[in-house]
């Protein structure tokens, strides 16, 4: 009986044309999930008020066949199936009308009543993103926050790697079934996520291959499962921008790191900030303050822990050392091209770390 109920929960996710909101209405009308699969079509028609033609289009026999294969796969690989009304199902996703009917979870991580942060970004990230991601993730150690991302190359990979390094629990949300790992390059990383106490999660049939349709579906879980979403770097179009828009649609907090104004291929974060679709984040303390999350005593340094590129740090150190510095001094001391120095100074002003008093003299705010 227990296996039968489990089978029906998985099969409910494969009913054609029935997302979570519609499934809820149908269950309410007929009284139970089991009845969807056990009633004759005529009895189901009477109980639901739906036409016979519509009921046959949900393809429940095919859904049961798919579910049986998925159930066997889950049992063989110790994968949990979480139905949307079960207490173990993430409460953040329960609030989303288009949330998954069920989730396949590989890993023992407890998802109940947890603070969850999603961190996303482009696959083609800049060298500066390595430092940004590590400083952000290291500030979360011991905070009770779970970090989720998408296991893609680039920012996602950095997020999961630094979570493992700094012992921050992490979850990879997959855009395919659990029978495979995409990209192949991240198979070892996926194993490390599990062995470190994290989890892999997919709403798809175990045999589902990745496609241009499955990744946007995956992104809504990344956005909906998190209390807040941080975009590290992104072009104007791409998965991270989709995730940010979805998070906004779910009334979740969105934050973005300001990126260099000279890198047009990474203009997404600046656009999110400019259009008020994301709060600006320049240090981990910005996240803790926005979310009203407590920082552990040994994390107090995060309040003043600036996230800077190597070149930005070089300029900041010179400005902090001299209190007040002419731009010519910064050209000489940094040994960087003048146009790059000007761009970096503008970035530091946007981050509210420095200000200029006459257009040529720069002073620190911290």
Protein backbone atom coordinates (compact mmCIF):
# COMPACT_ATOMS: atom_id res chain seq x y z
CA UNK A 1 0.00 0.00 0.00
CA UNK A 2 2.85 2.36 0.87
CA UNK A 3 4.54 1.69 -2.47
CA UNK A 4 1.21 2.23 -4.24
CA UNK A 5 0.79 5.66 -2.63
CA UNK A 6 4.39 6.51 -3.51
CA UNK A 7 3.71 5.43 -7.09
CA UNK A 8 0.67 7.71 -7.35
CA UNK A 9 2.62 10.69 -5.98
CA UNK A 10 5.27 10.27 -8.64
CA UNK A 11 2.69 9.59 -11.37
CA UNK A 12 0.83 12.80 -10.49
CA UNK A 13 3.84 14.75 -11.79
CA UNK A 14 3.50 13.09 -15.20
CA UNK A 15 -0.22 13.73 -15.76
CA UNK A 16 -0.49 15.53 -19.07
CA UNK A 17 -1.61 19.15 -18.74
CA UNK A 18 -1.87 19.07 -14.94
CA UNK A 19 0.47 21.36 -13.05
CA UNK A 20 0.38 21.74 -9.28
CA UNK A 21 -2.40 24.35 -9.10
CA UNK A 22 -4.70 22.36 -11.39
CA UNK A 23 -3.90 19.11 -9.60
CA UNK A 24 -4.87 20.68 -6.26
CA UNK A 25 -8.30 21.56 -7.64
CA UNK A 26 -8.84 18.05 -9.02
CA UNK A 27 -7.80 16.40 -5.73
CA UNK A 28 -10.16 18.66 -3.80
CA UNK A 29 -13.07 17.74 -6.06
CA UNK A 30 -12.60 13.97 -5.90
CA UNK A 31 -11.29 13.68 -2.34
CA UNK A 32 -7.92 11.96 -2.75
CA UNK A 33 -4.91 11.47 -4.98
CA UNK A 34 -5.49 7.73 -5.21
CA UNK A 35 -8.92 8.27 -6.80
CA UNK A 36 -7.36 9.95 -9.82
CA UNK A 37 -5.74 6.65 -10.73
CA UNK A 38 -8.22 4.14 -9.25
CA UNK A 39 -11.61 5.51 -10.32
CA UNK A 40 -13.07 4.43 -13.64
CA UNK A 41 -13.21 7.25 -16.17
CA UNK A 42 -16.98 7.52 -15.81
CA UNK A 43 -16.76 7.76 -12.02
CA UNK A 44 -13.92 10.25 -12.30
CA UNK A 45 -16.06 12.29 -14.71
CA UNK A 46 -18.95 12.41 -12.21
CA UNK A 47 -16.71 13.26 -9.26
CA UNK A 48 -14.55 15.88 -10.96
CA UNK A 49 -16.99 17.63 -13.25
CA UNK A 50 -14.48 17.32 -16.09
CA UNK A 51 -15.45 15.90 -19.47
CA UNK A 52 -14.52 12.36 -20.43
CA UNK A 53 -12.42 13.66 -23.34
CA UNK A 54 -10.45 15.96 -21.05
CA UNK A 55 -9.85 13.20 -18.51
CA UNK A 56 -8.51 10.84 -21.16
CA UNK A 57 -6.08 13.55 -22.29
CA UNK A 58 -4.30 13.48 -18.93
CA UNK A 59 -2.86 10.09 -19.99
CA UNK A 60 -2.89 8.54 -16.53
CA UNK A 61 -1.93 5.06 -17.80
CA UNK A 62 1.23 6.45 -19.40
CA UNK A 63 1.90 8.48 -16.24
CA UNK A 64 1.72 5.31 -14.15
CA UNK A 65 4.13 3.50 -16.48
CA UNK A 66 6.65 6.34 -16.23
CA UNK A 67 6.19 6.53 -12.46
CA UNK A 68 6.79 2.80 -12.00
CA UNK A 69 10.16 3.06 -13.75
CA UNK A 70 11.06 6.17 -11.75
CA UNK A 71 10.03 4.52 -8.46
CA UNK A 72 12.23 1.50 -9.17
CA UNK A 73 15.16 3.76 -10.06
CA UNK A 74 14.68 5.82 -6.89
CA UNK A 75 14.56 2.74 -4.67
CA UNK A 76 17.67 1.31 -6.32
CA UNK A 77 19.67 4.52 -5.76
CA UNK A 78 18.26 5.63 -2.40
CA UNK A 79 16.50 8.67 -3.88
CA UNK A 80 13.66 10.33 -2.00
CA UNK A 81 10.51 11.48 -3.76
CA UNK A 82 8.94 14.52 -2.07
CA UNK A 83 5.31 15.31 -2.94
CA UNK A 84 4.21 18.95 -2.75
CA UNK A 85 2.02 18.52 0.34
CA UNK A 86 4.55 16.56 2.42
CA UNK A 87 6.29 18.29 5.32
CA UNK A 88 9.76 17.48 3.95
CA UNK A 89 9.00 19.37 0.71
CA UNK A 90 10.67 22.84 0.86
CA UNK A 91 8.12 25.28 2.24
CA UNK A 92 9.42 28.05 -0.04
CA UNK A 93 8.37 26.03 -3.10
CA UNK A 94 4.96 25.31 -1.60
CA UNK A 95 4.21 29.02 -1.96
CA UNK A 96 4.85 28.94 -5.74
CA UNK A 97 1.77 28.19 -7.86
CA UNK A 98 3.93 26.71 -10.59
CA UNK A 99 6.16 24.73 -8.21
CA UNK A 100 6.93 21.09 -9.04
CA UNK A 101 4.37 18.44 -8.10
CA UNK A 102 7.20 16.30 -6.75
CA UNK A 103 10.96 16.38 -6.36
CA UNK A 104 13.51 13.58 -6.64
CA UNK A 105 16.19 14.14 -4.00
CA UNK A 106 19.54 12.34 -3.90
CA UNK A 107 21.25 13.06 -0.60
CA UNK A 108 20.32 13.14 3.08
CA UNK A 109 20.20 16.91 3.54
CA UNK A 110 17.19 18.05 5.59
CA UNK A 111 15.25 20.73 3.68
CA UNK A 112 12.72 21.62 6.37
CA UNK A 113 12.53 25.18 7.70
CA UNK A 114 15.95 26.13 6.39
CA UNK A 115 17.27 29.48 5.22
CA UNK A 116 18.05 28.97 1.54
CA UNK A 117 20.09 31.20 -0.75
CA UNK A 118 20.50 30.72 -4.50
CA UNK A 119 23.67 32.02 -6.13
CA UNK A 120 23.77 32.05 -9.92
CA UNK A 121 25.68 33.55 -12.79
CA UNK A 122 27.08 33.16 -16.27
CA UNK A 123 28.95 30.16 -17.61
CA UNK A 124 31.60 32.49 -19.08
CA UNK A 125 32.59 34.29 -15.90
CA UNK A 126 35.49 36.72 -15.42
CA UNK A 127 38.55 35.99 -13.24
CA UNK A 128 37.24 38.44 -10.63
CA UNK A 129 34.23 36.19 -9.95
CA UNK A 130 36.41 33.60 -8.21
CA UNK A 131 37.25 36.00 -5.39
CA UNK A 132 33.69 37.35 -5.21
CA UNK A 133 32.16 33.89 -4.88
CA UNK A 134 34.68 32.60 -2.35
CA UNK A 135 34.31 35.61 -0.05
CA UNK A 136 30.52 35.37 -0.22
CA UNK A 137 30.39 31.62 0.44
CA UNK A 138 33.01 31.68 3.20
CA UNK A 139 30.90 34.25 5.08
CA UNK A 140 28.03 31.72 5.22
CA UNK A 141 29.94 29.04 7.13
CA UNK A 142 28.09 28.15 10.31
CA UNK A 143 25.17 30.45 9.46
CA UNK A 144 22.62 27.67 8.90
CA UNK A 145 22.12 28.79 5.31
CA UNK A 146 21.83 26.24 2.48
CA UNK A 147 23.20 27.44 -0.88
CA UNK A 148 21.66 26.25 -4.13
CA UNK A 149 22.84 26.61 -7.71
CA UNK A 150 22.54 24.78 -11.02
CA UNK A 151 25.76 22.74 -11.41
CA UNK A 152 26.49 24.52 -14.73
CA UNK A 153 30.00 25.55 -15.70
CA UNK A 154 31.19 28.97 -14.58
CA UNK A 155 29.61 30.65 -11.56
CA UNK A 156 27.51 27.61 -10.55
CA UNK A 157 30.60 25.43 -10.42
CA UNK A 158 32.47 27.98 -8.29
CA UNK A 159 29.51 28.21 -5.90
CA UNK A 160 29.37 24.45 -5.29
CA UNK A 161 33.17 24.12 -5.06
CA UNK A 162 33.51 26.86 -2.44
CA UNK A 163 30.55 25.50 -0.48
CA UNK A 164 32.37 22.18 -0.22
CA UNK A 165 35.65 23.91 0.67
CA UNK A 166 34.08 26.04 3.42
CA UNK A 167 31.65 23.34 4.63
CA UNK A 168 28.51 25.23 3.66
CA UNK A 169 25.67 22.81 2.73
CA UNK A 170 24.87 23.01 -0.97
CA UNK A 171 22.25 21.68 -3.38
CA UNK A 172 22.53 21.33 -7.14
CA UNK A 173 19.21 21.73 -8.98
CA UNK A 174 19.44 19.73 -12.20
CA UNK A 175 17.91 20.46 -15.59
CA UNK A 176 17.62 16.73 -16.36
CA UNK A 177 16.96 13.38 -14.69
CA UNK A 178 19.16 11.85 -12.00
CA UNK A 179 20.43 9.07 -14.22
CA UNK A 180 23.05 11.41 -15.65
CA UNK A 181 25.08 14.51 -14.79
CA UNK A 182 25.41 17.41 -17.19
CA UNK A 183 27.92 18.75 -17.96
CA UNK A 184 30.02 15.60 -17.81
CA UNK A 185 32.93 17.64 -16.50
CA UNK A 186 31.01 18.17 -13.25
CA UNK A 187 30.37 14.51 -12.46
CA UNK A 188 33.15 14.45 -9.80
CA UNK A 189 31.73 17.69 -8.34
CA UNK A 190 28.25 16.15 -8.12
CA UNK A 191 29.69 13.23 -6.16
CA UNK A 192 31.51 15.62 -3.83
CA UNK A 193 28.26 17.49 -3.18
CA UNK A 194 26.65 14.24 -1.99
CA UNK A 195 29.62 13.05 0.08
CA UNK A 196 29.91 16.47 1.74
CA UNK A 197 26.32 16.21 2.99
CA UNK A 198 24.60 18.13 0.20
CA UNK A 199 22.03 16.98 -2.35
CA UNK A 200 21.11 16.76 -6.01
CA UNK A 201 17.49 17.59 -6.85
CA UNK A 202 15.48 17.06 -10.03
CA UNK A 203 11.78 17.24 -10.80
CA UNK A 204 12.28 15.26 -14.00
CA UNK A 205 11.90 11.58 -14.83
CA UNK A 206 15.21 9.86 -14.09
CA UNK A 207 15.79 9.29 -17.83
CA UNK A 208 15.07 12.88 -18.93
CA UNK A 209 17.91 14.39 -20.98
CA UNK A 210 18.78 18.10 -20.81
CA UNK A 211 17.22 20.37 -23.41
CA UNK A 212 16.50 24.05 -24.07
CA UNK A 213 13.14 23.52 -22.32
CA UNK A 214 14.32 21.75 -19.18
CA UNK A 215 16.76 24.43 -18.01
CA UNK A 216 14.19 27.26 -17.76
CA UNK A 217 12.02 24.81 -15.78
CA UNK A 218 15.01 24.13 -13.53
CA UNK A 219 15.53 27.88 -13.04
CA UNK A 220 12.07 28.35 -11.52
CA UNK A 221 13.03 25.84 -8.79
CA UNK A 222 16.28 27.70 -8.11
CA UNK A 223 14.31 30.94 -7.80
CA UNK A 224 11.31 29.54 -5.94
CA UNK A 225 13.15 27.34 -3.47
CA UNK A 226 15.32 30.22 -2.19
CA UNK A 227 14.53 33.01 0.23
CA UNK A 228 16.89 35.22 -1.79
CA UNK A 229 18.77 35.02 -5.08
CA UNK A 230 22.18 36.57 -5.76
CA UNK A 231 23.41 37.11 -9.32
CA UNK A 232 27.20 37.34 -9.47
CA UNK A 233 27.80 37.99 -13.17
CA UNK A 234 25.47 37.75 -16.15
CA UNK A 235 25.01 38.95 -19.70
CA UNK A 236 21.82 40.86 -20.50
CA UNK A 237 20.19 37.61 -21.64
CA UNK A 238 20.59 34.17 -20.16
CA UNK A 239 19.54 31.75 -17.47
CA UNK A 240 20.63 33.96 -14.57
CA UNK A 241 18.45 36.83 -15.75
CA UNK A 242 15.53 34.42 -16.11
CA UNK A 243 16.14 33.20 -12.55
CA UNK A 244 16.25 36.79 -11.25
CA UNK A 245 12.96 37.67 -12.96
CA UNK A 246 11.33 34.51 -11.61
CA UNK A 247 12.55 35.30 -8.10
CA UNK A 248 11.00 38.75 -8.39
CA UNK A 249 7.73 37.21 -9.57
CA UNK A 250 7.70 35.05 -6.42
CA UNK A 251 8.26 38.19 -4.29
CA UNK A 252 11.70 36.98 -3.23
CA UNK A 253 14.68 39.24 -2.61
CA UNK A 254 17.15 39.57 -5.47
CA UNK A 255 20.66 40.95 -5.15
CA UNK A 256 23.36 41.57 -7.76
CA UNK A 257 27.03 42.47 -7.67
CA UNK A 258 27.84 45.56 -9.76
CA UNK A 259 30.10 44.59 -12.64
CA UNK A 260 32.60 46.57 -14.68
CA UNK A 261 30.96 49.06 -17.02
CA UNK A 262 33.57 48.22 -19.66
CA UNK A 263 32.52 44.56 -19.85
CA UNK A 264 29.46 44.84 -22.07
CA UNK A 265 29.17 41.06 -22.26
CA UNK A 266 28.50 41.06 -18.48
CA UNK A 267 26.00 43.92 -18.30
CA UNK A 268 23.17 41.92 -16.73
CA UNK A 269 23.86 42.68 -13.06
CA UNK A 270 24.17 46.41 -13.67
CA UNK A 271 20.89 46.31 -15.60
CA UNK A 272 19.12 44.51 -12.72
CA UNK A 273 20.37 47.15 -10.28
CA UNK A 274 19.59 50.06 -12.62
CA UNK A 275 15.99 48.91 -13.17
CA UNK A 276 15.40 48.20 -9.45
CA UNK A 277 15.04 44.48 -10.06
CA UNK A 278 17.91 43.74 -7.67
CA UNK A 279 19.49 45.25 -4.56
CA UNK A 280 23.17 46.08 -4.91
CA UNK A 281 25.52 43.82 -2.93
CA UNK A 282 29.15 44.76 -2.35
CA UNK A 283 29.92 42.78 0.82
CA UNK A 284 28.43 39.72 2.59
CA UNK A 285 27.02 41.96 5.31
CA UNK A 286 24.62 43.42 2.72
CA UNK A 287 22.97 40.02 2.42
CA UNK A 288 22.72 39.45 6.17
CA UNK A 289 21.27 42.92 6.71
CA UNK A 290 18.71 42.64 3.91
CA UNK A 291 17.51 39.22 5.05
CA UNK A 292 17.83 39.98 8.77
CA UNK A 293 19.94 36.85 9.17
CA UNK A 294 22.25 36.75 12.17
CA UNK A 295 25.99 36.62 11.64
CA UNK A 296 27.81 34.35 14.08
CA UNK A 297 30.25 36.02 16.46
CA UNK A 298 33.22 34.70 14.51
CA UNK A 299 31.68 36.11 11.33
CA UNK A 300 31.60 39.73 12.47
CA UNK A 301 34.47 40.46 10.10
CA UNK A 302 32.02 39.92 7.25
CA UNK A 303 30.47 43.28 8.08
CA UNK A 304 33.55 45.01 6.74
CA UNK A 305 34.70 42.28 4.37
CA UNK A 306 34.88 44.05 1.02
CA UNK A 307 34.55 42.04 -2.16
CA UNK A 308 37.10 43.44 -4.59
CA UNK A 309 39.02 42.34 -7.64
CA UNK A 310 42.82 42.30 -7.41
CA UNK A 311 43.03 45.60 -9.34
CA UNK A 312 40.30 47.26 -7.24
CA UNK A 313 42.06 46.19 -4.05
CA UNK A 314 45.31 47.75 -5.29
CA UNK A 315 43.58 51.10 -5.80
CA UNK A 316 41.69 50.87 -2.49
CA UNK A 317 44.89 50.22 -0.55
CA UNK A 318 46.51 53.31 -2.08
CA UNK A 319 43.49 55.52 -1.32
CA UNK A 320 43.20 54.19 2.25
CA UNK A 321 46.91 54.70 2.86
CA UNK A 322 46.93 58.35 1.76
CA UNK A 323 43.37 59.28 2.83
CA UNK A 324 43.13 61.60 -0.17
CA UNK A 325 44.73 60.78 -3.52
CA UNK A 326 44.95 62.57 -6.87
CA UNK A 327 44.11 60.39 -9.85
CA UNK A 328 47.62 60.90 -11.29
CA UNK A 329 49.04 59.22 -8.18
CA UNK A 330 46.72 56.26 -8.80
CA UNK A 331 47.87 56.05 -12.43
CA UNK A 332 51.51 55.90 -11.28
CA UNK A 333 51.15 53.61 -8.28
CA UNK A 334 48.83 51.06 -9.88
CA UNK A 335 50.79 50.72 -13.13
CA UNK A 336 47.50 50.05 -14.87
CA UNK A 337 46.28 51.63 -18.09
CA UNK A 338 44.63 55.02 -17.32
CA UNK A 339 41.33 54.00 -18.96
CA UNK A 340 41.19 50.87 -16.76
CA UNK A 341 41.96 52.92 -13.63
CA UNK A 342 39.09 55.31 -14.47
CA UNK A 343 36.73 52.39 -15.00
CA UNK A 344 37.77 50.76 -11.71
CA UNK A 345 37.36 54.03 -9.81
CA UNK A 346 33.85 54.38 -11.18
CA UNK A 347 33.11 50.83 -10.03
CA UNK A 348 34.40 51.62 -6.53
CA UNK A 349 32.20 54.72 -6.45
CA UNK A 350 29.18 52.65 -7.50
CA UNK A 351 29.96 50.25 -4.65
CA UNK A 352 30.05 53.26 -2.33
CA UNK A 353 33.61 52.51 -1.19
CA UNK A 354 35.11 55.80 -2.38
CA UNK A 355 34.04 59.26 -3.56
CA UNK A 356 35.73 62.09 -5.42
CA UNK A 357 35.80 65.66 -4.16
CA UNK A 358 36.76 67.55 -7.30
CA UNK A 359 36.63 64.98 -10.07
CA UNK A 360 40.35 64.26 -9.65
CA UNK A 361 40.79 63.74 -5.90
CA UNK A 362 39.55 60.45 -4.39
CA UNK A 363 38.81 59.67 -0.76
CA UNK A 364 37.68 56.50 0.98
CA UNK A 365 34.30 56.06 2.68
CA UNK A 366 35.47 53.15 4.87
